[in-house]
Amino acid sequence: MNIGQAATATGVSAKMIRYYESIGLIKASARTDSGYRTYGQNDLHILRFVKRARTLGFSLEQIRDLLSLWQDGSRASKDVKAIAHEHVADLDRRIQELTEMRDTLKHLAFNCAGDDRPDCPILLGLANEEGMDASHKQHDAPGRRASDCAH
């Protein structure tokens, strides 16, 4: 089948298939005499593997390692598990970072009156060179009220 058919069958765009080939994530496809790429069932299976791994958030380098392990019949499952645990730890770190970002933005938005005045803790927090943590302290200062600013 051609690249368009492979894309439809796997849910991986033709552009991404070409990209994966260009970086060596998947092997270059066979070509017809006229130069068109052709894909077999094994190629589709590999593309689906890559798509599922990307959906789970694995990096391209991790997918490269997972593909290598998947294709190695003598692999040790501990190697695969180690990659999975590393990825889970990375996801946990990212979730923590996102939670902190959300909490900071919620705090800034809560302290913004949202009226016609020009002062705004959201913009002050974004402009603060010391980072968003300092904006918590600044806007929690005694005597400062939400009505002291607008957005």
C-alpha atoms as a PDB file:
ATOM      1  CA  MET A   1       0.000   0.000   0.000  1.00  0.00           C
ATOM      2  CA  ASN A   2       1.084   3.593  -0.568  1.00  0.00           C
ATOM      3  CA  ILE A   3       1.808   6.216   2.073  1.00  0.00           C
ATOM      4  CA  GLY A   4      -1.705   7.672   1.968  1.00  0.00           C
ATOM      5  CA  GLN A   5      -3.235   4.259   2.550  1.00  0.00           C
ATOM      6  CA  ALA A   6      -0.741   3.553   5.340  1.00  0.00           C
ATOM      7  CA  ALA A   7      -1.621   6.879   6.941  1.00  0.00           C
ATOM      8  CA  THR A   8      -5.328   6.074   6.814  1.00  0.00           C
ATOM      9  CA  ALA A   9      -4.804   2.547   8.147  1.00  0.00           C
ATOM     10  CA  THR A  10      -2.665   3.657  11.098  1.00  0.00           C
ATOM     11  CA  GLY A  11      -3.906   7.134  11.955  1.00  0.00           C
ATOM     12  CA  VAL A  12      -0.376   8.492  11.461  1.00  0.00           C
ATOM     13  CA  SER A  13      -0.241  11.300   8.905  1.00  0.00           C
ATOM     14  CA  ALA A  14       1.835  10.871   5.763  1.00  0.00           C
ATOM     15  CA  LYS A  15       3.924  13.840   6.885  1.00  0.00           C
ATOM     16  CA  MET A  16       4.697  12.136  10.223  1.00  0.00           C
ATOM     17  CA  ILE A  17       5.509   8.849   8.487  1.00  0.00           C
ATOM     18  CA  ARG A  18       8.044  10.688   6.320  1.00  0.00           C
ATOM     19  CA  TYR A  19       9.424  12.436   9.396  1.00  0.00           C
ATOM     20  CA  TYR A  20       9.797   9.177  11.336  1.00  0.00           C
ATOM     21  CA  GLU A  21      11.672   7.747   8.354  1.00  0.00           C
ATOM     22  CA  SER A  22      13.899  10.821   8.064  1.00  0.00           C
ATOM     23  CA  ILE A  23      15.030  10.584  11.701  1.00  0.00           C
ATOM     24  CA  GLY A  24      15.477   6.828  11.492  1.00  0.00           C
ATOM     25  CA  LEU A  25      12.734   6.004  13.969  1.00  0.00           C
ATOM     26  CA  ILE A  26      11.274   3.633  11.416  1.00  0.00           C
ATOM     27  CA  LYS A  27      13.141   2.084   8.542  1.00  0.00           C
ATOM     28  CA  ALA A  28      12.755   3.637   5.123  1.00  0.00           C
ATOM     29  CA  SER A  29       9.957   2.021   3.202  1.00  0.00           C
ATOM     30  CA  ALA A  30      10.382   0.016   0.066  1.00  0.00           C
ATOM     31  CA  ARG A  31       9.919   1.972  -3.164  1.00  0.00           C
ATOM     32  CA  THR A  32       8.165   1.192  -6.393  1.00  0.00           C
ATOM     33  CA  ASP A  33      10.004   1.566  -9.703  1.00  0.00           C
ATOM     34  CA  SER A  34       8.512   5.037  -9.968  1.00  0.00           C
ATOM     35  CA  GLY A  35       9.793   5.981  -6.484  1.00  0.00           C
ATOM     36  CA  TYR A  36       6.586   5.761  -4.472  1.00  0.00           C
ATOM     37  CA  ARG A  37       6.819   4.442  -0.920  1.00  0.00           C
ATOM     38  CA  THR A  38       5.164   1.097  -0.250  1.00  0.00           C
ATOM     39  CA  TYR A  39       4.195  -0.316   3.129  1.00  0.00           C
ATOM     40  CA  GLY A  40       3.445  -3.832   4.279  1.00  0.00           C
ATOM     41  CA  GLN A  41       1.618  -5.198   7.309  1.00  0.00           C
ATOM     42  CA  ASN A  42       4.763  -5.164   9.445  1.00  0.00           C
ATOM     43  CA  ASP A  43       5.292  -1.472   8.645  1.00  0.00           C
ATOM     44  CA  LEU A  44       1.707  -0.749   9.686  1.00  0.00           C
ATOM     45  CA  HIS A  45       2.196  -2.660  12.916  1.00  0.00           C
ATOM     46  CA  ILE A  46       5.287  -0.576  13.716  1.00  0.00           C
ATOM     47  CA  LEU A  47       3.486   2.680  12.875  1.00  0.00           C
ATOM     48  CA  ARG A  48       0.601   1.726  15.187  1.00  0.00           C
ATOM     49  CA  PHE A  49       3.131   0.929  17.932  1.00  0.00           C
ATOM     50  CA  VAL A  50       4.717   4.364  17.489  1.00  0.00           C
ATOM     51  CA  LYS A  51       1.321   6.069  17.502  1.00  0.00           C
ATOM     52  CA  ARG A  52       0.238   4.347  20.728  1.00  0.00           C
ATOM     53  CA  ALA A  53       3.559   5.200  22.375  1.00  0.00           C
ATOM     54  CA  ARG A  54       3.224   8.854  21.304  1.00  0.00           C
ATOM     55  CA  THR A  55      -0.338   8.895  22.657  1.00  0.00           C
ATOM     56  CA  LEU A  56       1.068   7.823  26.032  1.00  0.00           C
ATOM     57  CA  GLY A  57       3.529  10.707  25.840  1.00  0.00           C
ATOM     58  CA  PHE A  58       6.752   8.786  25.290  1.00  0.00           C
ATOM     59  CA  SER A  59       9.522  10.840  23.701  1.00  0.00           C
ATOM     60  CA  LEU A  60      10.893   9.871  20.301  1.00  0.00           C
ATOM     61  CA  GLU A  61      14.081   8.635  21.966  1.00  0.00           C
ATOM     62  CA  GLN A  62      12.079   6.484  24.377  1.00  0.00           C
ATOM     63  CA  ILE A  63      10.048   5.140  21.458  1.00  0.00           C
ATOM     64  CA  ARG A  64      13.265   4.305  19.640  1.00  0.00           C
ATOM     65  CA  ASP A  65      14.383   2.312  22.704  1.00  0.00           C
ATOM     66  CA  LEU A  66      10.983   0.644  23.080  1.00  0.00           C
ATOM     67  CA  LEU A  67      10.911  -0.317  19.404  1.00  0.00           C
ATOM     68  CA  SER A  68      14.365  -1.815  19.706  1.00  0.00           C
ATOM     69  CA  LEU A  69      13.313  -3.797  22.765  1.00  0.00           C
ATOM     70  CA  TRP A  70      10.044  -4.854  21.122  1.00  0.00           C
ATOM     71  CA  GLN A  71      11.901  -6.201  18.104  1.00  0.00           C
ATOM     72  CA  ASP A  72      14.523  -7.964  20.259  1.00  0.00           C
ATOM     73  CA  GLY A  73      13.238 -11.416  21.159  1.00  0.00           C
ATOM     74  CA  SER A  74      15.919 -11.817  23.823  1.00  0.00           C
ATOM     75  CA  ARG A  75      15.014  -8.595  25.655  1.00  0.00           C
ATOM     76  CA  ALA A  76      14.540  -8.511  29.392  1.00  0.00           C
ATOM     77  CA  SER A  77      11.179  -7.150  30.493  1.00  0.00           C
ATOM     78  CA  LYS A  78      12.980  -5.250  33.259  1.00  0.00           C
ATOM     79  CA  ASP A  79      14.432  -2.972  30.571  1.00  0.00           C
ATOM     80  CA  VAL A  80      10.962  -2.132  29.274  1.00  0.00           C
ATOM     81  CA  LYS A  81       9.653  -1.650  32.803  1.00  0.00           C
ATOM     82  CA  ALA A  82      12.516   0.734  33.605  1.00  0.00           C
ATOM     83  CA  ILE A  83      11.575   2.928  30.635  1.00  0.00           C
ATOM     84  CA  ALA A  84       7.922   2.875  31.727  1.00  0.00           C
ATOM     85  CA  HIS A  85       8.809   3.808  35.319  1.00  0.00           C
ATOM     86  CA  GLU A  86      11.062   6.625  34.096  1.00  0.00           C
ATOM     87  CA  HIS A  87       8.212   7.943  31.972  1.00  0.00           C
ATOM     88  CA  VAL A  88       5.715   7.739  34.850  1.00  0.00           C
ATOM     89  CA  ALA A  89       8.134   9.703  37.057  1.00  0.00           C
ATOM     90  CA  ASP A  90       8.469  12.322  34.312  1.00  0.00           C
ATOM     91  CA  LEU A  91       4.671  12.542  34.003  1.00  0.00           C
ATOM     92  CA  ASP A  92       4.407  12.995  37.776  1.00  0.00           C
ATOM     93  CA  ARG A  93       6.926  15.878  37.606  1.00  0.00           C
ATOM     94  CA  ARG A  94       5.019  17.491  34.758  1.00  0.00           C
ATOM     95  CA  ILE A  95       1.707  17.111  36.592  1.00  0.00           C
ATOM     96  CA  GLN A  96       3.252  18.789  39.647  1.00  0.00           C
ATOM     97  CA  GLU A  97       4.556  21.655  37.492  1.00  0.00           C
ATOM     98  CA  LEU A  98       1.166  22.087  35.803  1.00  0.00           C
ATOM     99  CA  THR A  99      -0.593  22.028  39.170  1.00  0.00           C
ATOM    100  CA  GLU A 100       1.728  24.745  40.469  1.00  0.00           C
ATOM    101  CA  MET A 101       1.155  26.837  37.326  1.00  0.00           C
ATOM    102  CA  ARG A 102      -2.616  26.442  37.651  1.00  0.00           C
ATOM    103  CA  ASP A 103      -2.543  27.361  41.343  1.00  0.00           C
ATOM    104  CA  THR A 104      -0.442  30.465  40.660  1.00  0.00           C
ATOM    105  CA  LEU A 105      -2.723  31.615  37.861  1.00  0.00           C
ATOM    106  CA  LYS A 106      -5.844  30.950  39.958  1.00  0.00           C
ATOM    107  CA  HIS A 107      -4.318  33.000  42.768  1.00  0.00           C
ATOM    108  CA  LEU A 108      -3.487  35.892  40.459  1.00  0.00           C
ATOM    109  CA  ALA A 109      -6.930  35.814  38.839  1.00  0.00           C
ATOM    110  CA  PHE A 110      -8.631  35.693  42.245  1.00  0.00           C
ATOM    111  CA  ASN A 111      -6.758  38.828  43.309  1.00  0.00           C
ATOM    112  CA  CYS A 112      -7.724  40.748  40.185  1.00  0.00           C
ATOM    113  CA  ALA A 113     -10.843  42.908  40.505  1.00  0.00           C
ATOM    114  CA  GLY A 114     -11.507  42.859  36.786  1.00  0.00           C
ATOM    115  CA  ASP A 115     -12.811  46.400  36.522  1.00  0.00           C
ATOM    116  CA  ASP A 116     -11.675  49.460  34.537  1.00  0.00           C
ATOM    117  CA  ARG A 117      -8.581  50.275  36.607  1.00  0.00           C
ATOM    118  CA  PRO A 118      -5.194  49.690  34.933  1.00  0.00           C
ATOM    119  CA  ASP A 119      -3.441  47.859  37.813  1.00  0.00           C
ATOM    120  CA  CYS A 120      -3.525  44.087  37.423  1.00  0.00           C
ATOM    121  CA  PRO A 121      -1.842  41.398  39.551  1.00  0.00           C
ATOM    122  CA  ILE A 122      -1.907  38.991  36.637  1.00  0.00           C
ATOM    123  CA  LEU A 123       0.233  41.294  34.501  1.00  0.00           C
ATOM    124  CA  LEU A 124       2.389  42.224  37.496  1.00  0.00           C
ATOM    125  CA  GLY A 125       2.969  38.539  38.192  1.00  0.00           C
ATOM    126  CA  LEU A 126       3.908  37.862  34.578  1.00  0.00           C
ATOM    127  CA  ALA A 127       6.253  40.865  34.506  1.00  0.00           C
ATOM    128  CA  ASN A 128       7.904  40.054  37.835  1.00  0.00           C
ATOM    129  CA  GLU A 129      11.526  39.110  37.117  1.00  0.00           C
ATOM    130  CA  GLU A 130      11.744  37.111  40.337  1.00  0.00           C
ATOM    131  CA  GLY A 131       9.085  34.734  39.127  1.00  0.00           C
ATOM    132  CA  MET A 132       5.502  34.016  39.942  1.00  0.00           C
ATOM    133  CA  ASP A 133       6.217  32.934  43.535  1.00  0.00           C
ATOM    134  CA  ALA A 134       7.051  36.517  44.430  1.00  0.00           C
ATOM    135  CA  SER A 135       3.654  37.595  43.106  1.00  0.00           C
ATOM    136  CA  HIS A 136       1.982  35.430  45.760  1.00  0.00           C
ATOM    137  CA  LYS A 137       3.877  37.308  48.469  1.00  0.00           C
ATOM    138  CA  GLN A 138       3.279  40.693  46.847  1.00  0.00           C
ATOM    139  CA  HIS A 139      -0.468  40.202  46.536  1.00  0.00           C
ATOM    140  CA  ASP A 140      -0.839  38.567  49.945  1.00  0.00           C
ATOM    141  CA  ALA A 141       0.830  41.534  51.619  1.00  0.00           C
ATOM    142  CA  PRO A 142      -1.072  43.093  54.541  1.00  0.00           C
ATOM    143  CA  GLY A 143      -3.325  45.926  53.481  1.00  0.00           C
ATOM    144  CA  ARG A 144      -3.518  44.781  49.845  1.00  0.00           C
ATOM    145  CA  ARG A 145      -7.028  43.862  48.685  1.00  0.00           C
ATOM    146  CA  ALA A 146      -8.359  42.294  45.513  1.00  0.00           C
ATOM    147  CA  SER A 147     -10.104  45.584  44.820  1.00  0.00           C
ATOM    148  CA  ASP A 148      -6.696  47.287  44.609  1.00  0.00           C
ATOM    149  CA  CYS A 149      -6.285  46.067  41.047  1.00  0.00           C
ATOM    150  CA  ALA A 150      -8.173  45.379  37.842  1.00  0.00           C
ATOM    151  CA  HIS A 151      -7.618  43.498  34.619  1.00  0.00           C
END
